[in-house]
């Protein structure tokens, strides 16, 4: 997939992280999801989403 701008890359990374979180977060109390975006030559961006839950009672 080719994206035209950095803003497009950021939107796509956020969309993918949210999709993964929807499927993975119920599995535990702490989760970190990361992804890398590459051009044909090299990595160009990394995005991470961290989730932490603590029961108080």
N, C-alpha and C. Protein backbone atom coordinates (compact mmCIF):
# COMPACT_ATOMS: atom_id res chain seq x y z
N UNK A 1 0.84 -1.16 0.00
CA UNK A 1 0.00 0.00 0.00
C UNK A 1 0.89 1.23 0.00
N UNK A 2 0.60 2.18 -0.84
CA UNK A 2 1.35 3.43 -0.87
C UNK A 2 0.47 4.55 -0.34
N UNK A 3 1.06 5.37 0.52
CA UNK A 3 0.34 6.50 1.09
C UNK A 3 1.03 7.79 0.67
N UNK A 4 0.25 8.83 0.43
CA UNK A 4 0.78 10.06 -0.18
C UNK A 4 1.55 10.97 0.77
N UNK A 5 1.25 10.93 2.06
CA UNK A 5 1.88 11.88 2.97
C UNK A 5 2.11 11.26 4.35
N UNK A 6 2.88 11.96 5.17
CA UNK A 6 3.09 11.50 6.54
C UNK A 6 1.77 11.47 7.31
N UNK A 7 0.90 12.43 7.05
CA UNK A 7 -0.41 12.45 7.72
C UNK A 7 -1.22 11.21 7.35
N UNK A 8 -1.14 10.78 6.10
CA UNK A 8 -1.84 9.57 5.67
C UNK A 8 -1.26 8.34 6.37
N UNK A 9 0.07 8.30 6.50
CA UNK A 9 0.72 7.18 7.20
C UNK A 9 0.27 7.15 8.66
N UNK A 10 0.25 8.30 9.31
CA UNK A 10 -0.17 8.38 10.70
C UNK A 10 -1.61 7.90 10.88
N UNK A 11 -2.51 8.34 10.01
CA UNK A 11 -3.92 7.90 10.09
C UNK A 11 -4.04 6.40 9.91
N UNK A 12 -3.29 5.85 8.97
CA UNK A 12 -3.36 4.41 8.73
C UNK A 12 -2.78 3.62 9.91
N UNK A 13 -1.67 4.10 10.49
CA UNK A 13 -1.11 3.43 11.66
C UNK A 13 -2.11 3.44 12.81
N UNK A 14 -2.75 4.58 13.05
CA UNK A 14 -3.74 4.68 14.13
C UNK A 14 -4.91 3.73 13.87
N UNK A 15 -5.38 3.66 12.64
CA UNK A 15 -6.49 2.77 12.31
C UNK A 15 -6.12 1.32 12.58
N UNK A 16 -4.92 0.92 12.17
CA UNK A 16 -4.47 -0.46 12.36
C UNK A 16 -4.32 -0.77 13.85
N UNK A 17 -3.72 0.14 14.62
CA UNK A 17 -3.55 -0.09 16.05
C UNK A 17 -4.90 -0.25 16.76
N UNK A 18 -5.88 0.57 16.40
CA UNK A 18 -7.21 0.47 17.00
C UNK A 18 -7.86 -0.86 16.63
N UNK A 19 -7.72 -1.28 15.39
CA UNK A 19 -8.28 -2.58 14.97
C UNK A 19 -7.66 -3.73 15.76
N UNK A 20 -6.34 -3.71 15.92
CA UNK A 20 -5.66 -4.77 16.68
C UNK A 20 -6.10 -4.71 18.14
N UNK A 21 -6.15 -3.51 18.73
CA UNK A 21 -6.55 -3.36 20.13
C UNK A 21 -7.95 -3.91 20.37
N UNK A 22 -8.84 -3.69 19.45
CA UNK A 22 -10.21 -4.19 19.59
C UNK A 22 -10.22 -5.70 19.75
N UNK A 23 -9.32 -6.39 19.07
CA UNK A 23 -9.26 -7.85 19.13
C UNK A 23 -8.40 -8.37 20.28
N UNK A 24 -7.37 -7.63 20.69
CA UNK A 24 -6.37 -8.15 21.62
C UNK A 24 -6.52 -7.68 23.07
N UNK A 25 -7.04 -6.50 23.31
CA UNK A 25 -7.04 -5.96 24.67
C UNK A 25 -7.81 -6.78 25.68
N UNK A 26 -8.93 -7.38 25.39
CA UNK A 26 -9.61 -8.16 26.41
C UNK A 26 -8.79 -9.34 26.94
N UNK A 27 -7.68 -9.67 26.31
CA UNK A 27 -6.89 -10.83 26.70
C UNK A 27 -6.08 -10.62 27.98
N UNK A 28 -5.89 -9.40 28.44
CA UNK A 28 -5.07 -9.21 29.62
C UNK A 28 -5.19 -7.82 30.20
N UNK A 29 -4.48 -7.61 31.31
CA UNK A 29 -4.53 -6.32 31.98
C UNK A 29 -3.50 -5.33 31.46
N UNK A 30 -2.43 -5.84 30.83
CA UNK A 30 -1.41 -4.96 30.26
C UNK A 30 -1.05 -5.47 28.86
N UNK A 31 -1.07 -4.54 27.94
CA UNK A 31 -0.77 -4.91 26.56
C UNK A 31 -0.06 -3.74 25.88
N UNK A 32 0.96 -4.03 25.11
CA UNK A 32 1.60 -3.04 24.25
C UNK A 32 1.57 -3.59 22.83
N UNK A 33 1.03 -2.80 21.94
CA UNK A 33 0.94 -3.19 20.53
C UNK A 33 1.81 -2.21 19.75
N UNK A 34 2.71 -2.73 18.92
CA UNK A 34 3.59 -1.88 18.12
C UNK A 34 3.57 -2.33 16.67
N UNK A 35 3.81 -1.36 15.79
CA UNK A 35 3.94 -1.71 14.38
C UNK A 35 4.96 -0.80 13.72
N UNK A 36 5.60 -1.31 12.67
CA UNK A 36 6.57 -0.56 11.88
C UNK A 36 6.02 -0.39 10.48
N UNK A 37 6.28 0.77 9.93
CA UNK A 37 5.93 1.05 8.53
C UNK A 37 7.23 1.18 7.77
N UNK A 38 7.29 0.52 6.63
CA UNK A 38 8.51 0.52 5.82
C UNK A 38 8.25 1.11 4.45
N UNK A 39 9.26 1.75 3.91
CA UNK A 39 9.28 2.03 2.48
C UNK A 39 9.90 0.81 1.84
N UNK A 40 10.13 0.84 0.58
CA UNK A 40 10.79 -0.30 -0.07
C UNK A 40 12.23 -0.45 0.42
N UNK A 41 12.84 0.65 0.87
CA UNK A 41 14.24 0.62 1.27
C UNK A 41 14.47 0.46 2.77
N UNK A 42 13.59 1.02 3.62
CA UNK A 42 13.90 1.08 5.06
C UNK A 42 12.64 1.36 5.88
N UNK A 43 12.74 1.15 7.21
CA UNK A 43 11.64 1.55 8.09
C UNK A 43 11.49 3.07 8.07
N UNK A 44 10.26 3.56 8.12
CA UNK A 44 10.05 5.01 8.11
C UNK A 44 9.28 5.50 9.33
N UNK A 45 8.60 4.60 10.04
CA UNK A 45 7.83 5.03 11.21
C UNK A 45 7.57 3.83 12.13
N UNK A 46 7.42 4.12 13.42
CA UNK A 46 7.03 3.12 14.41
C UNK A 46 5.92 3.74 15.24
N UNK A 47 4.88 2.97 15.50
CA UNK A 47 3.78 3.43 16.35
C UNK A 47 3.49 2.36 17.39
N UNK A 48 3.15 2.80 18.60
CA UNK A 48 2.83 1.87 19.69
C UNK A 48 1.59 2.36 20.43
N UNK A 49 0.86 1.41 20.96
CA UNK A 49 -0.31 1.69 21.78
C UNK A 49 -0.18 0.86 23.05
N UNK A 50 -0.22 1.51 24.21
CA UNK A 50 -0.10 0.80 25.48
C UNK A 50 -1.43 0.86 26.21
N UNK A 51 -1.81 -0.26 26.83
CA UNK A 51 -3.03 -0.33 27.61
C UNK A 51 -2.69 -0.96 28.96
N UNK A 52 -3.19 -0.35 30.02
CA UNK A 52 -2.98 -0.88 31.36
C UNK A 52 -4.29 -0.75 32.14
N UNK A 53 -4.65 -1.80 32.86
CA UNK A 53 -5.86 -1.79 33.67
C UNK A 53 -5.51 -2.25 35.08
N UNK A 54 -6.07 -1.58 36.08
CA UNK A 54 -5.86 -1.96 37.46
C UNK A 54 -7.20 -1.94 38.18
N UNK A 55 -7.60 -3.07 38.72
CA UNK A 55 -8.85 -3.15 39.48
C UNK A 55 -8.62 -2.58 40.86
N UNK A 56 -9.50 -1.71 41.33
CA UNK A 56 -9.34 -1.04 42.61
C UNK A 56 -10.10 -1.74 43.74
N UNK A 57 -11.01 -2.60 43.40
CA UNK A 57 -11.75 -3.33 44.44
C UNK A 57 -12.02 -4.74 43.98
